[in-house]
Amino acid sequence: MRTGLYPGTFDPITLGHIDIIRRAAVLVDRLVIGVAINRDKGPLFDLETRVAMIEAECKTLSVETGAEIVVHPFENLLIDCARDVGAQVIVRGLRAVADFEYEFQMVGMNRALDSSIETVFLMAEARHQAIASKLVKEIARLGGDVTTFVTPPVKEALVRRFEAQP
């Protein structure tokens, strides 16, 4: 069974993420969505909320693609998480050249730690390439419309979250 790992903070999950998940799921039998517990980033949504959002968004994708899609929180090194879930492939999404420079360094480090695990890069469809969770949160925080960047349930979660803040 070919297992892939798509890691990220997914704070929140966007249409760009969903596009990469859909594309990655047709390449593997089992796709693990690794939700990073990154306290340094200070996520807007807690881990449980991010996991629940991803699980809800991936229910239909699993049926659509035929792949098993599971969500797995992790706080260790990415390469250790890949080993933990039995991944042969790490899937990364690219949006722009700036992403590539960072990802290039990460691939080199991960290959040094475990050369048996490959990294593949997928680009989201052009209409989703500019979407970044950080920008989506900023737009939502300032009362802008994020309809074209996230699904309706995620939009509602963003609205509720920012209404709750003073």
N, C-alpha and C. Protein backbone atom coordinates (compact mmCIF):
# COMPACT_ATOMS: atom_id res chain seq x y z
N MET A 1 0.85 -1.18 0.00
CA MET A 1 0.00 0.00 0.00
C MET A 1 0.89 1.24 0.00
N ARG A 2 0.65 2.13 -0.92
CA ARG A 2 1.42 3.36 -1.04
C ARG A 2 0.78 4.43 -0.15
N THR A 3 1.56 4.95 0.82
CA THR A 3 1.06 5.95 1.76
C THR A 3 1.79 7.27 1.54
N GLY A 4 1.01 8.34 1.47
CA GLY A 4 1.57 9.68 1.37
C GLY A 4 1.22 10.49 2.59
N LEU A 5 2.05 11.46 2.89
CA LEU A 5 1.84 12.36 4.02
C LEU A 5 1.81 13.79 3.49
N TYR A 6 0.71 14.50 3.74
CA TYR A 6 0.59 15.91 3.37
C TYR A 6 0.55 16.71 4.67
N PRO A 7 1.68 17.31 5.05
CA PRO A 7 1.75 18.03 6.33
C PRO A 7 1.45 19.52 6.19
N GLY A 8 1.00 20.11 7.28
CA GLY A 8 0.78 21.55 7.33
C GLY A 8 0.10 21.92 8.64
N THR A 9 -0.07 23.20 8.85
CA THR A 9 -0.80 23.63 10.05
C THR A 9 -2.29 23.73 9.76
N PHE A 10 -2.66 24.00 8.51
CA PHE A 10 -4.06 24.03 8.10
C PHE A 10 -4.88 24.92 9.04
N ASP A 11 -4.44 26.16 9.17
CA ASP A 11 -5.05 27.09 10.13
C ASP A 11 -5.58 28.32 9.41
N PRO A 12 -6.71 28.21 8.72
CA PRO A 12 -7.58 27.04 8.53
C PRO A 12 -7.28 26.35 7.19
N ILE A 13 -7.96 25.23 6.97
CA ILE A 13 -7.87 24.55 5.68
C ILE A 13 -8.53 25.43 4.62
N THR A 14 -7.87 25.56 3.47
CA THR A 14 -8.37 26.42 2.39
C THR A 14 -8.71 25.58 1.16
N LEU A 15 -9.28 26.22 0.18
CA LEU A 15 -9.56 25.53 -1.08
C LEU A 15 -8.27 25.10 -1.78
N GLY A 16 -7.20 25.82 -1.56
CA GLY A 16 -5.89 25.41 -2.09
C GLY A 16 -5.44 24.10 -1.46
N HIS A 17 -5.58 23.99 -0.13
CA HIS A 17 -5.25 22.73 0.55
C HIS A 17 -6.11 21.59 0.01
N ILE A 18 -7.39 21.85 -0.11
CA ILE A 18 -8.31 20.80 -0.56
C ILE A 18 -7.96 20.35 -1.97
N ASP A 19 -7.55 21.27 -2.82
CA ASP A 19 -7.14 20.92 -4.17
C ASP A 19 -5.91 20.01 -4.14
N ILE A 20 -4.94 20.33 -3.30
CA ILE A 20 -3.73 19.49 -3.18
C ILE A 20 -4.11 18.12 -2.61
N ILE A 21 -4.99 18.08 -1.63
CA ILE A 21 -5.42 16.80 -1.06
C ILE A 21 -6.07 15.95 -2.15
N ARG A 22 -6.95 16.53 -2.93
CA ARG A 22 -7.62 15.80 -4.01
C ARG A 22 -6.60 15.24 -5.00
N ARG A 23 -5.63 16.05 -5.40
CA ARG A 23 -4.62 15.62 -6.36
C ARG A 23 -3.70 14.55 -5.78
N ALA A 24 -3.32 14.71 -4.53
CA ALA A 24 -2.43 13.74 -3.88
C ALA A 24 -3.14 12.41 -3.65
N ALA A 25 -4.41 12.46 -3.33
CA ALA A 25 -5.16 11.23 -3.01
C ALA A 25 -5.25 10.28 -4.19
N VAL A 26 -5.18 10.79 -5.41
CA VAL A 26 -5.23 9.89 -6.56
C VAL A 26 -3.87 9.25 -6.84
N LEU A 27 -2.83 9.72 -6.17
CA LEU A 27 -1.49 9.18 -6.37
C LEU A 27 -1.12 8.10 -5.37
N VAL A 28 -1.88 8.00 -4.29
CA VAL A 28 -1.56 7.04 -3.22
C VAL A 28 -2.81 6.25 -2.84
N ASP A 29 -2.61 5.18 -2.11
CA ASP A 29 -3.73 4.40 -1.59
C ASP A 29 -4.26 4.99 -0.29
N ARG A 30 -3.34 5.59 0.47
CA ARG A 30 -3.68 6.16 1.78
C ARG A 30 -2.96 7.50 1.89
N LEU A 31 -3.74 8.53 2.19
CA LEU A 31 -3.16 9.86 2.36
C LEU A 31 -3.38 10.29 3.80
N VAL A 32 -2.29 10.58 4.47
CA VAL A 32 -2.35 11.07 5.85
C VAL A 32 -2.18 12.58 5.81
N ILE A 33 -3.13 13.28 6.38
CA ILE A 33 -3.03 14.73 6.50
C ILE A 33 -2.40 14.99 7.86
N GLY A 34 -1.15 15.38 7.85
CA GLY A 34 -0.42 15.64 9.09
C GLY A 34 -0.65 17.06 9.57
N VAL A 35 -1.33 17.20 10.67
CA VAL A 35 -1.65 18.53 11.21
C VAL A 35 -0.59 18.89 12.25
N ALA A 36 0.24 19.84 11.89
CA ALA A 36 1.35 20.22 12.75
C ALA A 36 0.87 20.98 13.98
N ILE A 37 1.39 20.55 15.11
CA ILE A 37 1.16 21.27 16.37
C ILE A 37 2.35 22.21 16.50
N ASN A 38 2.17 23.44 16.07
CA ASN A 38 3.27 24.39 16.05
C ASN A 38 2.93 25.57 16.95
N ARG A 39 3.34 25.45 18.20
CA ARG A 39 3.01 26.48 19.18
C ARG A 39 3.65 27.83 18.83
N ASP A 40 4.78 27.81 18.11
CA ASP A 40 5.45 29.05 17.75
C ASP A 40 4.63 29.90 16.79
N LYS A 41 3.80 29.26 15.98
CA LYS A 41 2.98 30.00 15.02
C LYS A 41 1.75 30.63 15.66
N GLY A 42 1.37 30.17 16.85
CA GLY A 42 0.19 30.72 17.52
C GLY A 42 -1.05 30.60 16.67
N PRO A 43 -1.51 29.38 16.41
CA PRO A 43 -2.64 29.19 15.51
C PRO A 43 -3.92 29.87 16.00
N LEU A 44 -4.74 30.28 15.04
CA LEU A 44 -6.04 30.88 15.34
C LEU A 44 -6.98 29.83 15.92
N PHE A 45 -6.97 28.64 15.32
CA PHE A 45 -7.84 27.55 15.75
C PHE A 45 -7.01 26.53 16.52
N ASP A 46 -7.60 25.99 17.58
CA ASP A 46 -6.88 24.97 18.33
C ASP A 46 -6.80 23.68 17.50
N LEU A 47 -5.97 22.78 17.95
CA LEU A 47 -5.71 21.54 17.22
C LEU A 47 -6.99 20.75 16.94
N GLU A 48 -7.83 20.60 17.95
CA GLU A 48 -9.05 19.81 17.80
C GLU A 48 -9.96 20.40 16.72
N THR A 49 -10.06 21.72 16.68
CA THR A 49 -10.89 22.38 15.68
C THR A 49 -10.32 22.19 14.29
N ARG A 50 -9.00 22.34 14.14
CA ARG A 50 -8.36 22.16 12.83
C ARG A 50 -8.55 20.73 12.33
N VAL A 51 -8.36 19.76 13.22
CA VAL A 51 -8.55 18.35 12.85
C VAL A 51 -9.99 18.11 12.42
N ALA A 52 -10.95 18.62 13.18
CA ALA A 52 -12.37 18.42 12.85
C ALA A 52 -12.71 19.05 11.50
N MET A 53 -12.18 20.26 11.23
CA MET A 53 -12.44 20.91 9.94
C MET A 53 -11.90 20.07 8.79
N ILE A 54 -10.69 19.57 8.95
CA ILE A 54 -10.06 18.76 7.88
C ILE A 54 -10.83 17.46 7.68
N GLU A 55 -11.19 16.81 8.76
CA GLU A 55 -11.96 15.56 8.63
C GLU A 55 -13.27 15.79 7.90
N ALA A 56 -13.95 16.87 8.25
CA ALA A 56 -15.24 17.17 7.60
C ALA A 56 -15.04 17.43 6.11
N GLU A 57 -14.00 18.15 5.75
CA GLU A 57 -13.75 18.49 4.34
C GLU A 57 -13.29 17.27 3.54
N CYS A 58 -12.67 16.31 4.20
CA CYS A 58 -12.10 15.16 3.48
C CYS A 58 -13.05 13.97 3.33
N LYS A 59 -14.20 14.00 3.99
CA LYS A 59 -15.14 12.87 3.89
C LYS A 59 -15.49 12.55 2.45
N THR A 60 -15.89 13.53 1.70
CA THR A 60 -16.29 13.28 0.31
C THR A 60 -15.08 13.03 -0.58
N LEU A 61 -13.95 13.63 -0.25
CA LEU A 61 -12.75 13.42 -1.07
C LEU A 61 -12.30 11.97 -1.05
N SER A 62 -12.44 11.32 0.08
CA SER A 62 -12.06 9.92 0.19
C SER A 62 -12.90 9.07 -0.75
N VAL A 63 -14.19 9.31 -0.76
CA VAL A 63 -15.10 8.58 -1.66
C VAL A 63 -14.79 8.92 -3.11
N GLU A 64 -14.61 10.20 -3.37
CA GLU A 64 -14.35 10.68 -4.73
C GLU A 64 -13.07 10.10 -5.34
N THR A 65 -12.01 10.00 -4.53
CA THR A 65 -10.71 9.58 -5.05
C THR A 65 -10.43 8.09 -4.88
N GLY A 66 -11.16 7.44 -3.97
CA GLY A 66 -10.91 6.03 -3.70
C GLY A 66 -9.77 5.79 -2.72
N ALA A 67 -9.15 6.84 -2.25
CA ALA A 67 -8.05 6.71 -1.29
C ALA A 67 -8.59 6.82 0.14
N GLU A 68 -7.93 6.14 1.03
CA GLU A 68 -8.21 6.32 2.45
C GLU A 68 -7.53 7.63 2.86
N ILE A 69 -8.28 8.54 3.46
CA ILE A 69 -7.71 9.81 3.92
C ILE A 69 -7.91 9.89 5.42
N VAL A 70 -6.81 10.04 6.14
CA VAL A 70 -6.87 10.13 7.60
C VAL A 70 -6.13 11.38 8.07
N VAL A 71 -6.54 11.88 9.22
CA VAL A 71 -5.93 13.07 9.79
C VAL A 71 -5.11 12.64 11.00
N HIS A 72 -3.87 13.16 11.06
CA HIS A 72 -2.93 12.73 12.09
C HIS A 72 -2.17 13.95 12.64
N PRO A 73 -2.50 14.39 13.86
CA PRO A 73 -1.73 15.49 14.45
C PRO A 73 -0.30 15.04 14.76
N PHE A 74 0.67 15.96 14.63
CA PHE A 74 2.05 15.60 14.99
C PHE A 74 2.80 16.83 15.50
N GLU A 75 3.79 16.55 16.35
CA GLU A 75 4.60 17.62 16.92
C GLU A 75 6.09 17.32 16.80
N ASN A 76 6.41 16.19 16.20
CA ASN A 76 7.81 15.82 16.06
C ASN A 76 8.33 16.26 14.70
N LEU A 77 9.55 15.85 14.36
CA LEU A 77 10.10 16.16 13.05
C LEU A 77 9.22 15.58 11.96
N LEU A 78 9.12 16.28 10.85
CA LEU A 78 8.31 15.81 9.74
C LEU A 78 8.75 14.42 9.28
N ILE A 79 10.03 14.19 9.18
CA ILE A 79 10.52 12.90 8.72
C ILE A 79 10.15 11.79 9.70
N ASP A 80 10.14 12.11 11.00
CA ASP A 80 9.73 11.13 12.00
C ASP A 80 8.23 10.85 11.89
N CYS A 81 7.45 11.89 11.62
CA CYS A 81 6.01 11.69 11.41
C CYS A 81 5.79 10.79 10.20
N ALA A 82 6.54 11.04 9.12
CA ALA A 82 6.41 10.20 7.92
C ALA A 82 6.70 8.74 8.26
N ARG A 83 7.74 8.51 9.02
CA ARG A 83 8.05 7.13 9.46
C ARG A 83 6.91 6.56 10.31
N ASP A 84 6.41 7.37 11.26
CA ASP A 84 5.35 6.93 12.17
C ASP A 84 4.11 6.44 11.42
N VAL A 85 3.77 7.13 10.32
CA VAL A 85 2.54 6.78 9.59
C VAL A 85 2.82 5.84 8.41
N GLY A 86 4.09 5.46 8.23
CA GLY A 86 4.44 4.54 7.15
C GLY A 86 4.42 5.17 5.77
N ALA A 87 4.68 6.48 5.71
CA ALA A 87 4.64 7.17 4.41
C ALA A 87 5.92 6.94 3.62
N GLN A 88 5.74 6.66 2.35
CA GLN A 88 6.87 6.57 1.44
C GLN A 88 7.09 7.91 0.73
N VAL A 89 6.06 8.76 0.78
CA VAL A 89 6.07 10.02 0.04
C VAL A 89 5.54 11.14 0.93
N ILE A 90 6.24 12.27 0.90
CA ILE A 90 5.76 13.49 1.52
C ILE A 90 5.27 14.39 0.40
N VAL A 91 4.05 14.88 0.54
CA VAL A 91 3.44 15.74 -0.47
C VAL A 91 3.51 17.18 0.03
N ARG A 92 4.00 18.06 -0.82
CA ARG A 92 4.05 19.47 -0.47
C ARG A 92 3.40 20.28 -1.58
N GLY A 93 2.67 21.31 -1.20
CA GLY A 93 2.06 22.20 -2.17
C GLY A 93 2.95 23.40 -2.42
N LEU A 94 3.00 23.82 -3.66
CA LEU A 94 3.77 25.00 -4.03
C LEU A 94 2.85 26.06 -4.60
N ARG A 95 3.09 27.31 -4.20
CA ARG A 95 2.32 28.42 -4.74
C ARG A 95 3.20 29.32 -5.60
N ALA A 96 4.41 29.58 -5.15
CA ALA A 96 5.26 30.55 -5.84
C ALA A 96 6.73 30.20 -5.67
N VAL A 97 7.59 30.97 -6.30
CA VAL A 97 9.03 30.74 -6.23
C VAL A 97 9.51 30.81 -4.78
N ALA A 98 8.96 31.70 -4.00
CA ALA A 98 9.35 31.82 -2.60
C ALA A 98 9.10 30.52 -1.85
N ASP A 99 8.00 29.84 -2.14
CA ASP A 99 7.73 28.54 -1.53
C ASP A 99 8.82 27.54 -1.91
N PHE A 100 9.23 27.57 -3.18
CA PHE A 100 10.21 26.60 -3.67
C PHE A 100 11.53 26.71 -2.92
N GLU A 101 11.99 27.92 -2.66
CA GLU A 101 13.27 28.10 -1.97
C GLU A 101 13.25 27.45 -0.59
N TYR A 102 12.19 27.68 0.16
CA TYR A 102 12.04 27.08 1.48
C TYR A 102 11.92 25.56 1.37
N GLU A 103 11.07 25.11 0.47
CA GLU A 103 10.83 23.68 0.30
C GLU A 103 12.09 22.95 -0.16
N PHE A 104 12.88 23.58 -1.00
CA PHE A 104 14.13 22.99 -1.48
C PHE A 104 15.05 22.68 -0.31
N GLN A 105 15.15 23.62 0.64
CA GLN A 105 15.97 23.40 1.83
C GLN A 105 15.41 22.25 2.67
N MET A 106 14.09 22.23 2.83
CA MET A 106 13.46 21.18 3.62
C MET A 106 13.69 19.79 3.01
N VAL A 107 13.57 19.69 1.70
CA VAL A 107 13.80 18.40 1.03
C VAL A 107 15.22 17.93 1.29
N GLY A 108 16.18 18.84 1.18
CA GLY A 108 17.58 18.47 1.42
C GLY A 108 17.79 17.94 2.83
N MET A 109 17.20 18.60 3.79
CA MET A 109 17.35 18.16 5.18
C MET A 109 16.65 16.82 5.40
N ASN A 110 15.43 16.70 4.87
CA ASN A 110 14.69 15.44 5.04
C ASN A 110 15.41 14.28 4.36
N ARG A 111 15.99 14.51 3.19
CA ARG A 111 16.73 13.45 2.48
C ARG A 111 17.96 13.04 3.29
N ALA A 112 18.59 14.01 3.96
CA ALA A 112 19.75 13.68 4.80
C ALA A 112 19.33 12.83 5.99
N LEU A 113 18.12 13.07 6.49
CA LEU A 113 17.63 12.31 7.65
C LEU A 113 17.11 10.93 7.26
N ASP A 114 16.50 10.83 6.07
CA ASP A 114 15.98 9.54 5.60
C ASP A 114 15.80 9.59 4.08
N SER A 115 16.76 9.04 3.37
CA SER A 115 16.74 9.12 1.91
C SER A 115 15.72 8.17 1.28
N SER A 116 15.08 7.34 2.07
CA SER A 116 14.09 6.41 1.51
C SER A 116 12.72 7.05 1.32
N ILE A 117 12.52 8.24 1.91
CA ILE A 117 11.23 8.92 1.80
C ILE A 117 11.35 10.06 0.79
N GLU A 118 10.57 9.96 -0.27
CA GLU A 118 10.58 10.95 -1.34
C GLU A 118 9.67 12.13 -1.00
N THR A 119 9.95 13.26 -1.59
CA THR A 119 9.07 14.42 -1.49
C THR A 119 8.61 14.75 -2.90
N VAL A 120 7.31 14.96 -3.05
CA VAL A 120 6.77 15.39 -4.34
C VAL A 120 6.06 16.72 -4.14
N PHE A 121 6.14 17.56 -5.15
CA PHE A 121 5.51 18.87 -5.10
C PHE A 121 4.32 18.89 -6.05
N LEU A 122 3.23 19.42 -5.56
CA LEU A 122 2.03 19.60 -6.38
C LEU A 122 1.65 21.07 -6.34
N MET A 123 1.23 21.56 -7.46
CA MET A 123 0.73 22.93 -7.52
C MET A 123 -0.78 22.89 -7.60
N ALA A 124 -1.41 23.72 -6.82
CA ALA A 124 -2.86 23.82 -6.88
C ALA A 124 -3.25 24.43 -8.22
N GLU A 125 -4.51 24.26 -8.57
CA GLU A 125 -5.01 24.91 -9.78
C GLU A 125 -4.74 26.41 -9.68
N ALA A 126 -4.59 27.04 -10.84
CA ALA A 126 -4.22 28.45 -10.89
C ALA A 126 -5.13 29.33 -10.02
N ARG A 127 -6.42 29.03 -10.03
CA ARG A 127 -7.36 29.88 -9.26
C ARG A 127 -7.16 29.77 -7.75
N HIS A 128 -6.41 28.75 -7.30
CA HIS A 128 -6.16 28.56 -5.87
C HIS A 128 -4.73 28.87 -5.46
N GLN A 129 -3.87 29.20 -6.40
CA GLN A 129 -2.45 29.32 -6.08
C GLN A 129 -2.10 30.48 -5.15
N ALA A 130 -2.86 31.52 -5.16
CA ALA A 130 -2.54 32.68 -4.31
C ALA A 130 -3.09 32.54 -2.89
N ILE A 131 -3.87 31.51 -2.65
CA ILE A 131 -4.51 31.37 -1.34
C ILE A 131 -3.49 30.94 -0.28
N ALA A 132 -3.43 31.70 0.79
CA ALA A 132 -2.59 31.37 1.93
C ALA A 132 -3.44 31.54 3.19
N SER A 133 -3.35 30.58 4.09
CA SER A 133 -4.14 30.65 5.33
C SER A 133 -3.92 31.96 6.06
N LYS A 134 -2.69 32.42 6.10
CA LYS A 134 -2.37 33.67 6.80
C LYS A 134 -3.18 34.83 6.22
N LEU A 135 -3.25 34.90 4.90
CA LEU A 135 -3.99 35.99 4.26
C LEU A 135 -5.49 35.82 4.45
N VAL A 136 -5.97 34.59 4.40
CA VAL A 136 -7.39 34.33 4.62
C VAL A 136 -7.80 34.79 6.01
N LYS A 137 -6.98 34.49 7.00
CA LYS A 137 -7.28 34.92 8.37
C LYS A 137 -7.30 36.44 8.48
N GLU A 138 -6.36 37.10 7.80
CA GLU A 138 -6.32 38.56 7.85
C GLU A 138 -7.55 39.17 7.19
N ILE A 139 -7.95 38.64 6.05
CA ILE A 139 -9.14 39.13 5.37
C ILE A 139 -10.37 38.96 6.26
N ALA A 140 -10.50 37.77 6.85
CA ALA A 140 -11.65 37.49 7.72
C ALA A 140 -11.63 38.39 8.95
N ARG A 141 -10.47 38.59 9.53
CA ARG A 141 -10.34 39.43 10.74
C ARG A 141 -10.80 40.85 10.47
N LEU A 142 -10.53 41.32 9.24
CA LEU A 142 -10.90 42.69 8.89
C LEU A 142 -12.28 42.79 8.26
N GLY A 143 -13.05 41.69 8.32
CA GLY A 143 -14.43 41.72 7.86
C GLY A 143 -14.61 41.49 6.37
N GLY A 144 -13.55 41.07 5.68
CA GLY A 144 -13.65 40.82 4.25
C GLY A 144 -14.31 39.48 3.95
N ASP A 145 -14.67 39.30 2.70
CA ASP A 145 -15.36 38.08 2.26
C ASP A 145 -14.33 37.03 1.82
N VAL A 146 -14.33 35.89 2.48
CA VAL A 146 -13.38 34.81 2.17
C VAL A 146 -14.04 33.67 1.40
N THR A 147 -15.22 33.92 0.86
CA THR A 147 -16.00 32.89 0.18
C THR A 147 -15.22 32.17 -0.92
N THR A 148 -14.39 32.88 -1.64
CA THR A 148 -13.66 32.25 -2.76
C THR A 148 -12.39 31.54 -2.31
N PHE A 149 -12.09 31.54 -1.01
CA PHE A 149 -10.86 30.94 -0.51
C PHE A 149 -11.06 29.71 0.35
N VAL A 150 -12.25 29.59 0.96
CA VAL A 150 -12.53 28.48 1.88
C VAL A 150 -13.95 27.97 1.63
N THR A 151 -14.24 26.81 2.18
CA THR A 151 -15.59 26.26 2.07
C THR A 151 -16.54 27.00 3.02
N PRO A 152 -17.85 26.89 2.80
CA PRO A 152 -18.80 27.58 3.69
C PRO A 152 -18.63 27.23 5.18
N PRO A 153 -18.42 25.96 5.56
CA PRO A 153 -18.24 25.69 7.00
C PRO A 153 -16.99 26.36 7.59
N VAL A 154 -15.92 26.42 6.82
CA VAL A 154 -14.70 27.08 7.31
C VAL A 154 -14.92 28.58 7.39
N LYS A 155 -15.62 29.15 6.43
CA LYS A 155 -15.95 30.58 6.47
C LYS A 155 -16.74 30.89 7.75
N GLU A 156 -17.73 30.05 8.04
CA GLU A 156 -18.53 30.27 9.25
C GLU A 156 -17.68 30.17 10.52
N ALA A 157 -16.75 29.24 10.54
CA ALA A 157 -15.86 29.09 11.70
C ALA A 157 -15.00 30.35 11.86
N LEU A 158 -14.52 30.88 10.75
CA LEU A 158 -13.73 32.12 10.81
C LEU A 158 -14.58 33.28 11.33
N VAL A 159 -15.78 33.42 10.81
CA VAL A 159 -16.66 34.51 11.24
C VAL A 159 -16.93 34.39 12.75
N ARG A 160 -17.29 33.18 13.20
CA ARG A 160 -17.55 32.98 14.64
C ARG A 160 -16.33 33.29 15.48
N ARG A 161 -15.17 32.86 15.01
CA ARG A 161 -13.94 33.05 15.77
C ARG A 161 -13.64 34.55 15.95
N PHE A 162 -13.78 35.32 14.86
CA PHE A 162 -13.47 36.74 14.96
C PHE A 162 -14.56 37.53 15.65
N GLU A 163 -15.81 37.06 15.61
CA GLU A 163 -16.87 37.71 16.37
C GLU A 163 -16.63 37.55 17.87
N ALA A 164 -16.02 36.44 18.24
CA ALA A 164 -15.77 36.13 19.65
C ALA A 164 -14.61 36.93 20.22
N GLN A 165 -13.76 37.48 19.34
CA GLN A 165 -12.61 38.24 19.82
C GLN A 165 -13.01 39.69 20.10
N PRO A 166 -12.41 40.26 21.16
CA PRO A 166 -12.75 41.66 21.51
C PRO A 166 -12.22 42.64 20.48
